[in-house]
């Protein structure tokens, strides 16, 4: 059984990451703005499959590996915290370019859009860090089977990510025009997300829990 705090924690982490510009957001916005919503949703389907690939790997033993090699768990956890801090800086640094100002892209068929969405997510370091370093920290071995908890928590993250990304696909063109006329709003969004990521980084780095085993 996963407790409410773990649900809320992974949902917050997932929300913070999905709202922070990264490879997935850049690709989905670019496709949606330049090729239309249908292309955006086909690309999102590929991204969704990538999430499930990572979730399967997490449920099949990442936590067990970390329990056997605690030094690896610590190293990955600190790397995850460092990466979150880097994302926070990239979000608020001077001169950061808006994801809602995409470069024109050539038109692609649906099969290639799906494949590119899948590959973009599989190679996305944010998602790798999420499943390797962050998700295991919300698993409590005293609450039952670790693999089952990882699966449930991963499904929560996927639900949050797909819901937000779906809204981004639907509204990408409108948001691009809206934020293009209101740079102050865009700046506020960047600083809010940067603060959330920095706070998560501090929490991850200072957390004293150990890796859980099944």
C-alpha atoms as a PDB file:
ATOM      1  CA  UNK A   1       0.000   0.000   0.000  1.00  0.00           C
ATOM      2  CA  UNK A   2       1.291   3.450  -0.940  1.00  0.00           C
ATOM      3  CA  UNK A   3       0.516   6.182   1.584  1.00  0.00           C
ATOM      4  CA  UNK A   4      -0.926   9.600   0.751  1.00  0.00           C
ATOM      5  CA  UNK A   5       2.347  11.450   1.309  1.00  0.00           C
ATOM      6  CA  UNK A   6       4.105   9.269  -1.280  1.00  0.00           C
ATOM      7  CA  UNK A   7       1.288   9.863  -3.764  1.00  0.00           C
ATOM      8  CA  UNK A   8       1.494  13.604  -3.194  1.00  0.00           C
ATOM      9  CA  UNK A   9       5.299  13.616  -3.304  1.00  0.00           C
ATOM     10  CA  UNK A  10       5.671  11.793  -6.611  1.00  0.00           C
ATOM     11  CA  UNK A  11       2.817  13.838  -8.109  1.00  0.00           C
ATOM     12  CA  UNK A  12       4.601  17.063  -7.114  1.00  0.00           C
ATOM     13  CA  UNK A  13       7.909  15.823  -8.496  1.00  0.00           C
ATOM     14  CA  UNK A  14       6.220  14.743 -11.719  1.00  0.00           C
ATOM     15  CA  UNK A  15       4.413  18.076 -12.044  1.00  0.00           C
ATOM     16  CA  UNK A  16       7.580  20.076 -11.409  1.00  0.00           C
ATOM     17  CA  UNK A  17       9.507  18.128 -14.027  1.00  0.00           C
ATOM     18  CA  UNK A  18       6.818  18.126 -16.707  1.00  0.00           C
ATOM     19  CA  UNK A  19       6.316  21.897 -16.361  1.00  0.00           C
ATOM     20  CA  UNK A  20      10.038  22.548 -16.703  1.00  0.00           C
ATOM     21  CA  UNK A  21      11.195  22.942 -20.312  1.00  0.00           C
ATOM     22  CA  UNK A  22      13.085  19.880 -21.469  1.00  0.00           C
ATOM     23  CA  UNK A  23      13.394  17.591 -24.504  1.00  0.00           C
ATOM     24  CA  UNK A  24       9.827  16.267 -24.263  1.00  0.00           C
ATOM     25  CA  UNK A  25       8.211  19.682 -23.957  1.00  0.00           C
ATOM     26  CA  UNK A  26      10.378  21.204 -26.675  1.00  0.00           C
ATOM     27  CA  UNK A  27       9.542  18.387 -29.087  1.00  0.00           C
ATOM     28  CA  UNK A  28       5.800  18.337 -28.346  1.00  0.00           C
ATOM     29  CA  UNK A  29       5.420  22.113 -28.561  1.00  0.00           C
ATOM     30  CA  UNK A  30       7.456  22.292 -31.761  1.00  0.00           C
ATOM     31  CA  UNK A  31       5.375  19.590 -33.436  1.00  0.00           C
ATOM     32  CA  UNK A  32       2.067  20.985 -32.211  1.00  0.00           C
ATOM     33  CA  UNK A  33       2.846  24.545 -33.308  1.00  0.00           C
ATOM     34  CA  UNK A  34       4.400  23.712 -36.684  1.00  0.00           C
ATOM     35  CA  UNK A  35       2.409  20.615 -37.720  1.00  0.00           C
ATOM     36  CA  UNK A  36      -0.835  20.750 -35.728  1.00  0.00           C
ATOM     37  CA  UNK A  37      -2.471  19.048 -32.750  1.00  0.00           C
ATOM     38  CA  UNK A  38      -2.786  15.658 -34.428  1.00  0.00           C
ATOM     39  CA  UNK A  39       0.979  15.524 -34.908  1.00  0.00           C
ATOM     40  CA  UNK A  40       1.393  16.605 -31.293  1.00  0.00           C
ATOM     41  CA  UNK A  41      -0.783  13.772 -29.979  1.00  0.00           C
ATOM     42  CA  UNK A  42       0.916  11.153 -32.180  1.00  0.00           C
ATOM     43  CA  UNK A  43       4.237  12.359 -30.778  1.00  0.00           C
ATOM     44  CA  UNK A  44       2.793  12.235 -27.251  1.00  0.00           C
ATOM     45  CA  UNK A  45       1.820   8.582 -27.802  1.00  0.00           C
ATOM     46  CA  UNK A  46       5.491   7.808 -28.433  1.00  0.00           C
ATOM     47  CA  UNK A  47       6.469   9.738 -25.311  1.00  0.00           C
ATOM     48  CA  UNK A  48       3.916   7.707 -23.309  1.00  0.00           C
ATOM     49  CA  UNK A  49       5.444   4.402 -24.429  1.00  0.00           C
ATOM     50  CA  UNK A  50       8.834   5.713 -23.309  1.00  0.00           C
ATOM     51  CA  UNK A  51       7.432   6.336 -19.825  1.00  0.00           C
ATOM     52  CA  UNK A  52       6.190   2.750 -19.608  1.00  0.00           C
ATOM     53  CA  UNK A  53       9.601   1.416 -20.675  1.00  0.00           C
ATOM     54  CA  UNK A  54      11.215   3.284 -17.790  1.00  0.00           C
ATOM     55  CA  UNK A  55       8.485   2.174 -15.394  1.00  0.00           C
ATOM     56  CA  UNK A  56       8.972  -1.489 -16.322  1.00  0.00           C
ATOM     57  CA  UNK A  57      12.699  -1.185 -15.673  1.00  0.00           C
ATOM     58  CA  UNK A  58      12.061   0.472 -12.299  1.00  0.00           C
ATOM     59  CA  UNK A  59       9.541  -2.159 -11.209  1.00  0.00           C
ATOM     60  CA  UNK A  60      11.865  -4.997 -12.248  1.00  0.00           C
ATOM     61  CA  UNK A  61      14.684  -4.242  -9.907  1.00  0.00           C
ATOM     62  CA  UNK A  62      16.348  -0.840  -9.862  1.00  0.00           C
ATOM     63  CA  UNK A  63      15.556  -0.463  -6.155  1.00  0.00           C
ATOM     64  CA  UNK A  64      16.952  -3.937  -5.416  1.00  0.00           C
ATOM     65  CA  UNK A  65      20.209  -3.071  -7.182  1.00  0.00           C
ATOM     66  CA  UNK A  66      20.565   0.076  -5.106  1.00  0.00           C
ATOM     67  CA  UNK A  67      19.937  -1.868  -1.898  1.00  0.00           C
ATOM     68  CA  UNK A  68      22.743  -4.275  -2.777  1.00  0.00           C
ATOM     69  CA  UNK A  69      25.140  -1.445  -3.701  1.00  0.00           C
ATOM     70  CA  UNK A  70      24.283   1.469  -1.370  1.00  0.00           C
ATOM     71  CA  UNK A  71      27.191   3.551  -2.670  1.00  0.00           C
ATOM     72  CA  UNK A  72      25.606   3.474  -6.114  1.00  0.00           C
ATOM     73  CA  UNK A  73      22.289   4.586  -4.629  1.00  0.00           C
ATOM     74  CA  UNK A  74      23.988   7.535  -2.913  1.00  0.00           C
ATOM     75  CA  UNK A  75      25.871   8.502  -6.059  1.00  0.00           C
ATOM     76  CA  UNK A  76      22.751   8.408  -8.207  1.00  0.00           C
ATOM     77  CA  UNK A  77      20.748  10.320  -5.608  1.00  0.00           C
ATOM     78  CA  UNK A  78      23.333  13.105  -5.461  1.00  0.00           C
ATOM     79  CA  UNK A  79      23.529  13.123  -9.248  1.00  0.00           C
ATOM     80  CA  UNK A  80      19.748  13.500  -9.348  1.00  0.00           C
ATOM     81  CA  UNK A  81      19.883  16.432  -6.929  1.00  0.00           C
ATOM     82  CA  UNK A  82      22.644  18.056  -8.972  1.00  0.00           C
ATOM     83  CA  UNK A  83      20.649  17.601 -12.156  1.00  0.00           C
ATOM     84  CA  UNK A  84      17.560  19.176 -10.595  1.00  0.00           C
ATOM     85  CA  UNK A  85      19.676  22.165  -9.566  1.00  0.00           C
ATOM     86  CA  UNK A  86      21.038  22.397 -13.116  1.00  0.00           C
ATOM     87  CA  UNK A  87      17.479  22.357 -14.483  1.00  0.00           C
ATOM     88  CA  UNK A  88      16.518  25.091 -12.013  1.00  0.00           C
ATOM     89  CA  UNK A  89      19.415  27.223 -13.241  1.00  0.00           C
ATOM     90  CA  UNK A  90      18.589  26.560 -16.893  1.00  0.00           C
ATOM     91  CA  UNK A  91      15.034  27.698 -16.175  1.00  0.00           C
ATOM     92  CA  UNK A  92      15.945  31.049 -14.600  1.00  0.00           C
ATOM     93  CA  UNK A  93      19.317  31.906 -16.153  1.00  0.00           C
ATOM     94  CA  UNK A  94      19.555  35.175 -18.102  1.00  0.00           C
ATOM     95  CA  UNK A  95      18.952  34.738 -21.788  1.00  0.00           C
ATOM     96  CA  UNK A  96      17.068  31.438 -21.472  1.00  0.00           C
ATOM     97  CA  UNK A  97      14.935  30.936 -24.577  1.00  0.00           C
ATOM     98  CA  UNK A  98      11.235  30.195 -24.305  1.00  0.00           C
ATOM     99  CA  UNK A  99      10.092  26.726 -25.304  1.00  0.00           C
ATOM    100  CA  UNK A 100       7.039  28.437 -26.806  1.00  0.00           C
ATOM    101  CA  UNK A 101       9.176  30.046 -29.498  1.00  0.00           C
ATOM    102  CA  UNK A 102       9.990  26.894 -31.493  1.00  0.00           C
ATOM    103  CA  UNK A 103      12.006  26.683 -34.681  1.00  0.00           C
ATOM    104  CA  UNK A 104      10.169  25.536 -37.842  1.00  0.00           C
ATOM    105  CA  UNK A 105      10.320  21.758 -38.438  1.00  0.00           C
ATOM    106  CA  UNK A 106       9.736  19.717 -41.606  1.00  0.00           C
ATOM    107  CA  UNK A 107       6.462  17.800 -41.853  1.00  0.00           C
ATOM    108  CA  UNK A 108       6.829  14.136 -40.818  1.00  0.00           C
ATOM    109  CA  UNK A 109       4.516  11.088 -41.206  1.00  0.00           C
ATOM    110  CA  UNK A 110       2.737   9.647 -38.160  1.00  0.00           C
ATOM    111  CA  UNK A 111       5.050   6.639 -37.821  1.00  0.00           C
ATOM    112  CA  UNK A 112       8.111   8.862 -37.656  1.00  0.00           C
ATOM    113  CA  UNK A 113       6.407  11.266 -35.248  1.00  0.00           C
ATOM    114  CA  UNK A 114       5.661   8.354 -32.892  1.00  0.00           C
ATOM    115  CA  UNK A 115       9.210   7.001 -33.148  1.00  0.00           C
ATOM    116  CA  UNK A 116      10.739  10.424 -32.534  1.00  0.00           C
ATOM    117  CA  UNK A 117       8.505  10.962 -29.485  1.00  0.00           C
ATOM    118  CA  UNK A 118       9.558   7.579 -28.086  1.00  0.00           C
ATOM    119  CA  UNK A 119      13.251   8.212 -28.724  1.00  0.00           C
ATOM    120  CA  UNK A 120      13.080  11.732 -27.298  1.00  0.00           C
ATOM    121  CA  UNK A 121      11.669  10.382 -24.037  1.00  0.00           C
ATOM    122  CA  UNK A 122      14.040   7.408 -23.795  1.00  0.00           C
ATOM    123  CA  UNK A 123      17.008   9.757 -24.192  1.00  0.00           C
ATOM    124  CA  UNK A 124      15.565  12.410 -21.869  1.00  0.00           C
ATOM    125  CA  UNK A 125      17.903  12.725 -18.845  1.00  0.00           C
ATOM    126  CA  UNK A 126      15.087  14.201 -16.738  1.00  0.00           C
ATOM    127  CA  UNK A 127      13.068  10.989 -17.045  1.00  0.00           C
ATOM    128  CA  UNK A 128      16.083   8.760 -16.444  1.00  0.00           C
ATOM    129  CA  UNK A 129      16.890  10.649 -13.250  1.00  0.00           C
ATOM    130  CA  UNK A 130      13.237  10.516 -12.177  1.00  0.00           C
ATOM    131  CA  UNK A 131      12.990   6.725 -12.377  1.00  0.00           C
ATOM    132  CA  UNK A 132      16.518   5.862 -11.292  1.00  0.00           C
ATOM    133  CA  UNK A 133      16.970   8.317  -8.444  1.00  0.00           C
ATOM    134  CA  UNK A 134      13.773  10.072  -7.414  1.00  0.00           C
ATOM    135  CA  UNK A 135      10.964   7.519  -7.614  1.00  0.00           C
ATOM    136  CA  UNK A 136      12.667   4.900  -5.362  1.00  0.00           C
ATOM    137  CA  UNK A 137      12.811   7.447  -2.546  1.00  0.00           C
ATOM    138  CA  UNK A 138       9.010   7.410  -2.232  1.00  0.00           C
ATOM    139  CA  UNK A 139       8.936   3.624  -1.764  1.00  0.00           C
ATOM    140  CA  UNK A 140       8.594   2.396   1.823  1.00  0.00           C
ATOM    141  CA  UNK A 141       9.421  -1.312   2.344  1.00  0.00           C
ATOM    142  CA  UNK A 142       7.278  -1.378   5.488  1.00  0.00           C
ATOM    143  CA  UNK A 143       4.210  -0.757   3.300  1.00  0.00           C
ATOM    144  CA  UNK A 144       4.508  -3.949   1.281  1.00  0.00           C
ATOM    145  CA  UNK A 145       5.949  -5.159  -2.021  1.00  0.00           C
ATOM    146  CA  UNK A 146       8.475  -2.693  -3.410  1.00  0.00           C
ATOM    147  CA  UNK A 147       7.875  -3.562  -7.072  1.00  0.00           C
ATOM    148  CA  UNK A 148       4.134  -3.004  -6.660  1.00  0.00           C
ATOM    149  CA  UNK A 149       4.722   0.341  -4.945  1.00  0.00           C
ATOM    150  CA  UNK A 150       7.117   1.387  -7.736  1.00  0.00           C
ATOM    151  CA  UNK A 151       4.481   0.449 -10.307  1.00  0.00           C
ATOM    152  CA  UNK A 152       1.726   2.436  -8.592  1.00  0.00           C
ATOM    153  CA  UNK A 153       3.914   5.506  -8.036  1.00  0.00           C
ATOM    154  CA  UNK A 154       5.155   5.339 -11.616  1.00  0.00           C
ATOM    155  CA  UNK A 155       1.570   5.235 -12.891  1.00  0.00           C
ATOM    156  CA  UNK A 156       0.809   8.366 -10.839  1.00  0.00           C
ATOM    157  CA  UNK A 157       3.759  10.158 -12.442  1.00  0.00           C
ATOM    158  CA  UNK A 158       2.749   8.996 -15.918  1.00  0.00           C
ATOM    159  CA  UNK A 159      -0.834  10.162 -15.384  1.00  0.00           C
ATOM    160  CA  UNK A 160       0.383  13.615 -14.323  1.00  0.00           C
ATOM    161  CA  UNK A 161       2.867  13.841 -17.194  1.00  0.00           C
ATOM    162  CA  UNK A 162       0.403  12.754 -19.884  1.00  0.00           C
ATOM    163  CA  UNK A 163      -2.357  15.028 -18.577  1.00  0.00           C
ATOM    164  CA  UNK A 164      -0.091  18.078 -18.561  1.00  0.00           C
ATOM    165  CA  UNK A 165       1.558  17.223 -21.877  1.00  0.00           C
ATOM    166  CA  UNK A 166      -1.871  16.646 -23.421  1.00  0.00           C
ATOM    167  CA  UNK A 167      -2.930  20.125 -22.336  1.00  0.00           C
ATOM    168  CA  UNK A 168       0.321  21.511 -23.744  1.00  0.00           C
ATOM    169  CA  UNK A 169      -0.387  19.876 -27.114  1.00  0.00           C
ATOM    170  CA  UNK A 170      -3.935  21.266 -27.129  1.00  0.00           C
ATOM    171  CA  UNK A 171      -2.908  24.792 -26.195  1.00  0.00           C
ATOM    172  CA  UNK A 172       0.626  25.089 -27.622  1.00  0.00           C
ATOM    173  CA  UNK A 173      -0.305  27.508 -30.387  1.00  0.00           C
ATOM    174  CA  UNK A 174      -2.459  29.670 -28.118  1.00  0.00           C
ATOM    175  CA  UNK A 175       0.157  29.681 -25.341  1.00  0.00           C
ATOM    176  CA  UNK A 176       2.920  30.568 -27.786  1.00  0.00           C
ATOM    177  CA  UNK A 177       0.968  33.622 -28.961  1.00  0.00           C
ATOM    178  CA  UNK A 178      -0.158  34.575 -25.430  1.00  0.00           C
ATOM    179  CA  UNK A 179       3.280  34.350 -23.800  1.00  0.00           C
ATOM    180  CA  UNK A 180       4.942  35.979 -26.790  1.00  0.00           C
ATOM    181  CA  UNK A 181       2.937  39.109 -25.994  1.00  0.00           C
ATOM    182  CA  UNK A 182       3.458  38.889 -22.216  1.00  0.00           C
ATOM    183  CA  UNK A 183       7.135  38.333 -21.347  1.00  0.00           C
ATOM    184  CA  UNK A 184       6.508  39.153 -17.666  1.00  0.00           C
ATOM    185  CA  UNK A 185       4.182  36.147 -17.288  1.00  0.00           C
ATOM    186  CA  UNK A 186       6.762  33.924 -18.898  1.00  0.00           C
ATOM    187  CA  UNK A 187       9.426  35.230 -16.512  1.00  0.00           C
ATOM    188  CA  UNK A 188       7.208  34.543 -13.471  1.00  0.00           C
ATOM    189  CA  UNK A 189       6.535  30.987 -14.677  1.00  0.00           C
ATOM    190  CA  UNK A 190      10.252  30.380 -15.106  1.00  0.00           C
ATOM    191  CA  UNK A 191      11.095  31.579 -11.591  1.00  0.00           C
ATOM    192  CA  UNK A 192       8.282  29.583  -9.963  1.00  0.00           C
ATOM    193  CA  UNK A 193       9.389  26.377 -11.689  1.00  0.00           C
ATOM    194  CA  UNK A 194      13.034  27.095 -10.933  1.00  0.00           C
ATOM    195  CA  UNK A 195      12.211  27.512  -7.245  1.00  0.00           C
ATOM    196  CA  UNK A 196      10.229  24.255  -7.174  1.00  0.00           C
ATOM    197  CA  UNK A 197      13.098  22.346  -8.775  1.00  0.00           C
ATOM    198  CA  UNK A 198      15.669  23.863  -6.435  1.00  0.00           C
ATOM    199  CA  UNK A 199      13.543  22.908  -3.435  1.00  0.00           C
ATOM    200  CA  UNK A 200      13.199  19.338  -4.712  1.00  0.00           C
ATOM    201  CA  UNK A 201      16.961  19.176  -5.227  1.00  0.00           C
ATOM    202  CA  UNK A 202      17.620  20.173  -1.613  1.00  0.00           C
ATOM    203  CA  UNK A 203      15.075  17.600  -0.377  1.00  0.00           C
ATOM    204  CA  UNK A 204      16.644  14.815  -2.429  1.00  0.00           C
ATOM    205  CA  UNK A 205      20.209  15.688  -1.383  1.00  0.00           C
ATOM    206  CA  UNK A 206      19.378  15.848   2.334  1.00  0.00           C
ATOM    207  CA  UNK A 207      17.072  12.817   2.473  1.00  0.00           C
ATOM    208  CA  UNK A 208      18.579  10.113   4.726  1.00  0.00           C
ATOM    209  CA  UNK A 209      16.474   7.154   3.621  1.00  0.00           C
ATOM    210  CA  UNK A 210      18.090   4.056   2.162  1.00  0.00           C
ATOM    211  CA  UNK A 211      17.144   2.124  -0.927  1.00  0.00           C
ATOM    212  CA  UNK A 212      14.259  -0.281  -0.438  1.00  0.00           C
ATOM    213  CA  UNK A 213      14.239  -3.953  -1.343  1.00  0.00           C
ATOM    214  CA  UNK A 214      11.349  -6.225  -2.303  1.00  0.00           C
END
